[in-house]
Amino acid sequence: MKKQLSPVLFLPHGGGPLPLLGDANHQEMLKFLQEIIPRLGVPASILIISAHWEEETVTITSGKNPSLIYDYYGFPEESYQLKYPAPGDPVLAQKIAILLQENGIESKLSEQRGFDHGVFVPLKILFPQANIPCVQLSLLNNLDPESHLKIGKALSKLRSENTLIIGSGLSFHNMQSLMAQQNSLDHKNEEFEMWLNDTCTNENYSTSVREQKLIKWSEAPFARYCQPREEHLLPLHFCAGAGGSAAKLVFDGKIMGKKTSAFLWN
């Protein structure tokens, strides 16, 4: 009997702590995260990669009780009092390091690093009890798409061990446009999202074709308008590598007036 694989989820984490503050521009996203919970099962552990941590070498949180990093500015005082006391998982962190090494990927452990808002904001919605051990993985600061696909592939084995894999980013991350919060049709935003959805969900694409499209993502329509700097897109590449097949589009709503997507591999 084939072993059940845990899901892989690429999700939008929104703007800073706003999803937790009742912000009107995040209500669609909040509803999506609440409704996707039953499809994620009850994981034994969570591995999450966030757009808000970059290192020269892949770095893995290995502390037993990670603190929170309030890496946002100018929000209400309550934003800096948020709690998410999920335990770390030093054993899983070590396992991740070994899997990466076996696949020729250098990594290091960090006992001191805490969870940034790309981790605790969505997890506080998805798993509010904060009782599932979590490990965060950094992006590479070279922002190379192929490298992030390879990292995801190397860690795909964790899916057979009831580890939920999450990529936390935003498929549209032009901050100037987001801050304008215009609800009028943005054809550049729409065209890039159409390309992204087709790339990730089209079952007629072979794995190699899909990967090549993701590697060359900057050639997509209006790619650099939607992602002037791609740190919020690369968690998707990591998820695509871990997922290994066509994904399902599970969210195509708006955040701060712009169309964004979430994808699920299961």
Protein backbone atom coordinates (compact mmCIF):
# COMPACT_ATOMS: atom_id res chain seq x y z
CA MET A 1 0.00 0.00 0.00
CA LYS A 2 1.40 3.37 -1.06
CA LYS A 3 2.20 5.67 1.84
CA GLN A 4 0.11 8.85 2.04
CA LEU A 5 2.12 11.97 1.31
CA SER A 6 1.63 15.15 3.28
CA PRO A 7 0.50 18.19 1.30
CA VAL A 8 2.68 21.02 0.06
CA LEU A 9 1.12 24.49 0.20
CA PHE A 10 2.26 27.78 -1.30
CA LEU A 11 0.31 30.55 0.39
CA PRO A 12 0.19 34.35 0.46
CA HIS A 13 1.03 35.79 3.87
CA GLY A 14 -0.26 39.29 3.12
CA GLY A 15 1.07 42.60 4.37
CA GLY A 16 2.89 42.40 7.69
CA PRO A 17 0.53 41.61 10.60
CA LEU A 18 -2.56 42.96 8.80
CA PRO A 19 -4.24 39.55 8.33
CA LEU A 20 -4.35 39.23 12.13
CA LEU A 21 -5.69 42.75 12.70
CA GLY A 22 -9.02 42.46 10.88
CA ASP A 23 -7.83 44.45 7.86
CA ALA A 24 -10.56 44.65 5.19
CA ASN A 25 -8.07 44.12 2.36
CA HIS A 26 -7.09 40.71 3.77
CA GLN A 27 -10.54 39.20 4.34
CA GLU A 28 -10.47 37.00 1.22
CA MET A 29 -7.07 35.67 2.23
CA LEU A 30 -8.17 35.07 5.82
CA LYS A 31 -11.24 33.16 4.64
CA PHE A 32 -9.08 31.03 2.32
CA LEU A 33 -6.63 30.11 5.06
CA GLN A 34 -9.43 29.16 7.42
CA GLU A 35 -11.15 27.03 4.78
CA ILE A 36 -7.99 25.19 3.64
CA ILE A 37 -7.28 23.84 7.14
CA PRO A 38 -9.16 20.50 6.74
CA ARG A 39 -7.18 19.73 3.58
CA LEU A 40 -3.87 19.95 5.44
CA GLY A 41 -4.54 17.07 7.82
CA VAL A 42 -2.86 16.90 11.21
CA PRO A 43 0.87 17.13 10.53
CA ALA A 44 3.46 15.80 12.95
CA SER A 45 5.70 18.73 12.04
CA ILE A 46 5.83 21.73 9.73
CA LEU A 47 8.66 22.87 7.47
CA ILE A 48 8.13 26.42 6.23
CA ILE A 49 10.17 28.67 3.97
CA SER A 50 9.44 32.39 4.12
CA ALA A 51 10.20 35.28 1.79
CA HIS A 52 11.62 37.19 4.75
CA TRP A 53 14.81 35.26 5.46
CA GLU A 54 17.73 35.13 3.07
CA GLU A 55 21.18 33.67 3.68
CA GLU A 56 24.27 32.93 1.60
CA THR A 57 23.94 29.28 2.66
CA VAL A 58 20.65 27.46 3.25
CA THR A 59 20.03 27.94 6.97
CA ILE A 60 17.70 25.93 9.20
CA THR A 61 16.19 26.93 12.54
CA SER A 62 17.26 24.35 15.12
CA GLY A 63 16.30 25.94 18.43
CA LYS A 64 13.85 24.21 20.76
CA ASN A 65 11.76 27.32 21.45
CA PRO A 66 12.13 29.89 18.65
CA SER A 67 11.23 33.48 19.45
CA LEU A 68 9.21 35.72 17.12
CA ILE A 69 10.79 38.35 14.90
CA TYR A 70 8.51 41.37 14.46
CA ASP A 71 10.07 42.34 11.14
CA TYR A 72 7.60 45.06 10.20
CA TYR A 73 7.31 48.74 11.00
CA GLY A 74 4.67 51.36 11.73
CA PHE A 75 1.86 49.06 12.85
CA PRO A 76 -0.28 49.29 16.03
CA GLU A 77 1.34 48.34 19.34
CA GLU A 78 -0.66 45.10 19.49
CA SER A 79 1.26 43.94 16.41
CA TYR A 80 4.39 43.67 18.54
CA GLN A 81 2.65 41.70 21.29
CA LEU A 82 1.51 38.81 19.06
CA LYS A 83 2.44 35.37 20.35
CA TYR A 84 2.97 32.07 18.58
CA PRO A 85 4.82 29.75 20.98
CA ALA A 86 5.16 26.77 18.63
CA PRO A 87 8.08 24.52 19.57
CA GLY A 88 11.03 24.06 17.30
CA ASP A 89 12.19 20.63 16.17
CA PRO A 90 15.97 20.13 16.45
CA VAL A 91 15.67 16.50 15.26
CA LEU A 92 13.83 17.52 12.10
CA ALA A 93 16.34 20.34 11.54
CA GLN A 94 19.19 17.82 11.64
CA LYS A 95 17.30 15.52 9.27
CA ILE A 96 16.83 18.41 6.83
CA ALA A 97 20.54 19.18 6.94
CA ILE A 98 21.36 15.53 6.16
CA LEU A 99 18.91 15.38 3.24
CA LEU A 100 20.39 18.55 1.80
CA GLN A 101 23.93 17.20 2.21
CA GLU A 102 22.95 13.96 0.46
CA ASN A 103 21.80 16.08 -2.47
CA GLY A 104 24.96 18.17 -2.62
CA ILE A 105 23.41 21.26 -1.00
CA GLU A 106 25.39 23.02 1.70
CA SER A 107 23.47 24.10 4.79
CA LYS A 108 23.90 25.22 8.37
CA LEU A 109 21.83 25.18 11.55
CA SER A 110 20.84 28.22 13.60
CA GLU A 111 19.74 27.77 17.20
CA GLN A 112 19.23 31.52 17.65
CA ARG A 113 17.05 32.38 14.66
CA GLY A 114 13.37 32.93 15.45
CA PHE A 115 10.23 32.88 13.27
CA ASP A 116 9.57 35.95 11.11
CA HIS A 117 6.10 37.23 10.24
CA GLY A 118 6.05 35.18 7.03
CA VAL A 119 5.90 32.19 9.38
CA PHE A 120 3.90 33.17 12.45
CA VAL A 121 1.19 35.21 10.70
CA PRO A 122 -0.16 32.39 8.47
CA LEU A 123 0.53 29.67 11.04
CA LYS A 124 -1.39 31.57 13.71
CA ILE A 125 -4.41 31.34 11.38
CA LEU A 126 -3.87 27.76 10.20
CA PHE A 127 -2.78 26.16 13.49
CA PRO A 128 -3.75 28.62 16.25
CA GLN A 129 -2.98 26.20 19.08
CA ALA A 130 0.74 26.49 18.22
CA ASN A 131 1.32 22.89 19.28
CA ILE A 132 2.92 21.51 16.10
CA PRO A 133 6.74 21.61 15.97
CA CYS A 134 8.00 23.98 13.27
CA VAL A 135 11.25 24.46 11.42
CA GLN A 136 11.94 27.45 9.18
CA LEU A 137 14.24 27.32 6.19
CA SER A 138 15.95 30.33 4.63
CA LEU A 139 16.01 31.36 1.01
CA LEU A 140 19.35 31.67 -0.72
CA ASN A 141 20.28 35.32 -1.18
CA ASN A 142 21.40 34.66 -4.75
CA LEU A 143 17.66 34.32 -5.53
CA ASP A 144 18.41 31.61 -8.10
CA PRO A 145 15.15 29.88 -9.09
CA GLU A 146 16.76 26.58 -10.09
CA SER A 147 18.52 26.30 -6.72
CA HIS A 148 15.23 26.69 -4.87
CA LEU A 149 13.59 24.01 -7.01
CA LYS A 150 16.47 21.68 -6.12
CA ILE A 151 16.15 22.42 -2.41
CA GLY A 152 12.46 21.55 -2.59
CA LYS A 153 13.21 18.30 -4.42
CA ALA A 154 15.84 17.35 -1.86
CA LEU A 155 13.34 17.74 0.99
CA SER A 156 10.36 16.10 -0.73
CA LYS A 157 11.08 12.87 1.20
CA LEU A 158 9.78 14.57 4.34
CA ARG A 159 6.28 14.37 2.88
CA SER A 160 6.24 10.64 3.63
CA GLU A 161 6.95 11.41 7.31
CA ASN A 162 3.84 13.53 7.92
CA THR A 163 5.73 16.81 7.58
CA LEU A 164 3.61 19.57 6.09
CA ILE A 165 5.69 21.73 3.73
CA ILE A 166 4.68 25.38 3.33
CA GLY A 167 6.05 28.14 1.13
CA SER A 168 5.05 31.56 2.45
CA GLY A 169 5.25 34.42 -0.03
CA LEU A 170 3.08 36.48 -2.36
CA SER A 171 2.55 35.92 -6.07
CA PHE A 172 2.20 39.68 -6.59
CA HIS A 173 4.75 41.81 -4.74
CA ASN A 174 5.05 45.21 -6.38
CA MET A 175 4.98 47.21 -3.16
CA GLN A 176 4.31 50.57 -4.80
CA SER A 177 1.26 49.16 -6.54
CA LEU A 178 0.08 47.29 -3.42
CA MET A 179 0.31 50.39 -1.25
CA ALA A 180 -1.89 52.28 -3.72
CA GLN A 181 -4.62 49.67 -2.95
CA GLN A 182 -6.45 50.28 -6.21
CA ASN A 183 -9.26 47.85 -6.96
CA SER A 184 -9.42 48.70 -10.66
CA LEU A 185 -8.46 45.97 -13.15
CA ASP A 186 -4.69 45.62 -13.48
CA HIS A 187 -4.09 43.71 -16.71
CA LYS A 188 -0.37 43.27 -15.96
CA ASN A 189 -1.20 41.61 -12.66
CA GLU A 190 -3.92 39.49 -14.32
CA GLU A 191 -1.68 38.28 -17.18
CA PHE A 192 1.17 37.22 -14.90
CA GLU A 193 -1.26 35.35 -12.64
CA MET A 194 -2.72 33.56 -15.68
CA TRP A 195 0.79 32.49 -16.70
CA LEU A 196 1.63 31.37 -13.17
CA ASN A 197 -1.59 29.38 -12.78
CA ASP A 198 -1.07 27.65 -16.11
CA THR A 199 2.55 26.85 -15.29
CA CYS A 200 1.76 25.33 -11.90
CA THR A 201 -1.53 23.53 -12.61
CA ASN A 202 -1.46 22.43 -16.26
CA GLU A 203 -1.31 18.62 -16.16
CA ASN A 204 -0.24 18.50 -19.81
CA TYR A 205 3.19 19.85 -18.90
CA SER A 206 5.91 17.36 -18.05
CA THR A 207 7.85 17.99 -14.87
CA SER A 208 10.85 19.17 -16.88
CA VAL A 209 8.76 21.61 -18.93
CA ARG A 210 7.15 23.00 -15.78
CA GLU A 211 10.53 23.41 -14.12
CA GLN A 212 12.00 25.20 -17.13
CA LYS A 213 9.09 27.62 -17.16
CA LEU A 214 9.61 28.34 -13.46
CA ILE A 215 13.37 28.72 -13.91
CA LYS A 216 12.73 31.26 -16.67
CA TRP A 217 9.84 32.91 -14.82
CA SER A 218 11.23 36.41 -15.50
CA GLU A 219 10.35 35.91 -19.19
CA ALA A 220 6.65 35.60 -18.30
CA PRO A 221 4.27 38.46 -19.15
CA PHE A 222 4.91 41.47 -16.87
CA ALA A 223 7.04 39.33 -14.56
CA ARG A 224 9.22 42.16 -13.28
CA TYR A 225 6.25 44.43 -12.76
CA CYS A 226 4.66 41.81 -10.50
CA GLN A 227 7.91 40.72 -8.87
CA PRO A 228 10.49 43.55 -9.04
CA ARG A 229 12.58 41.42 -6.67
CA GLU A 230 11.64 37.75 -6.55
CA GLU A 231 12.04 36.83 -2.89
CA HIS A 232 8.26 36.53 -2.50
CA LEU A 233 7.97 34.20 -5.49
CA LEU A 234 10.81 31.78 -4.69
CA PRO A 235 8.92 29.96 -1.92
CA LEU A 236 6.71 28.79 -4.81
CA HIS A 237 9.74 27.31 -6.59
CA PHE A 238 10.65 25.47 -3.39
CA CYS A 239 7.10 24.11 -3.16
CA ALA A 240 7.05 23.07 -6.82
CA GLY A 241 10.25 21.12 -6.26
CA ALA A 242 8.82 19.42 -3.17
CA GLY A 243 5.44 18.82 -4.81
CA GLY A 244 6.92 17.30 -7.96
CA SER A 245 3.75 17.38 -10.07
CA ALA A 246 0.95 19.68 -11.18
CA ALA A 247 -0.59 21.66 -8.33
CA LYS A 248 -4.18 22.68 -7.70
CA LEU A 249 -5.11 26.35 -7.63
CA VAL A 250 -6.75 26.83 -4.23
CA PHE A 251 -6.91 30.63 -4.03
CA ASP A 252 -7.18 33.31 -6.70
CA GLY A 253 -8.61 36.18 -4.72
CA LYS A 254 -7.37 39.69 -4.05
CA ILE A 255 -5.10 41.07 -1.36
CA MET A 256 -4.82 44.86 -1.12
CA GLY A 257 -6.55 45.16 -4.47
CA LYS A 258 -4.26 42.78 -6.39
CA LYS A 259 -4.93 39.27 -7.66
CA THR A 260 -2.86 36.64 -5.88
CA SER A 261 -2.68 32.84 -5.93
CA ALA A 262 -2.17 29.89 -3.63
CA PHE A 263 -1.34 26.36 -4.77
CA LEU A 264 -1.70 22.95 -3.16
CA TRP A 265 0.11 19.72 -3.99
CA ASN A 266 -1.49 16.62 -2.43
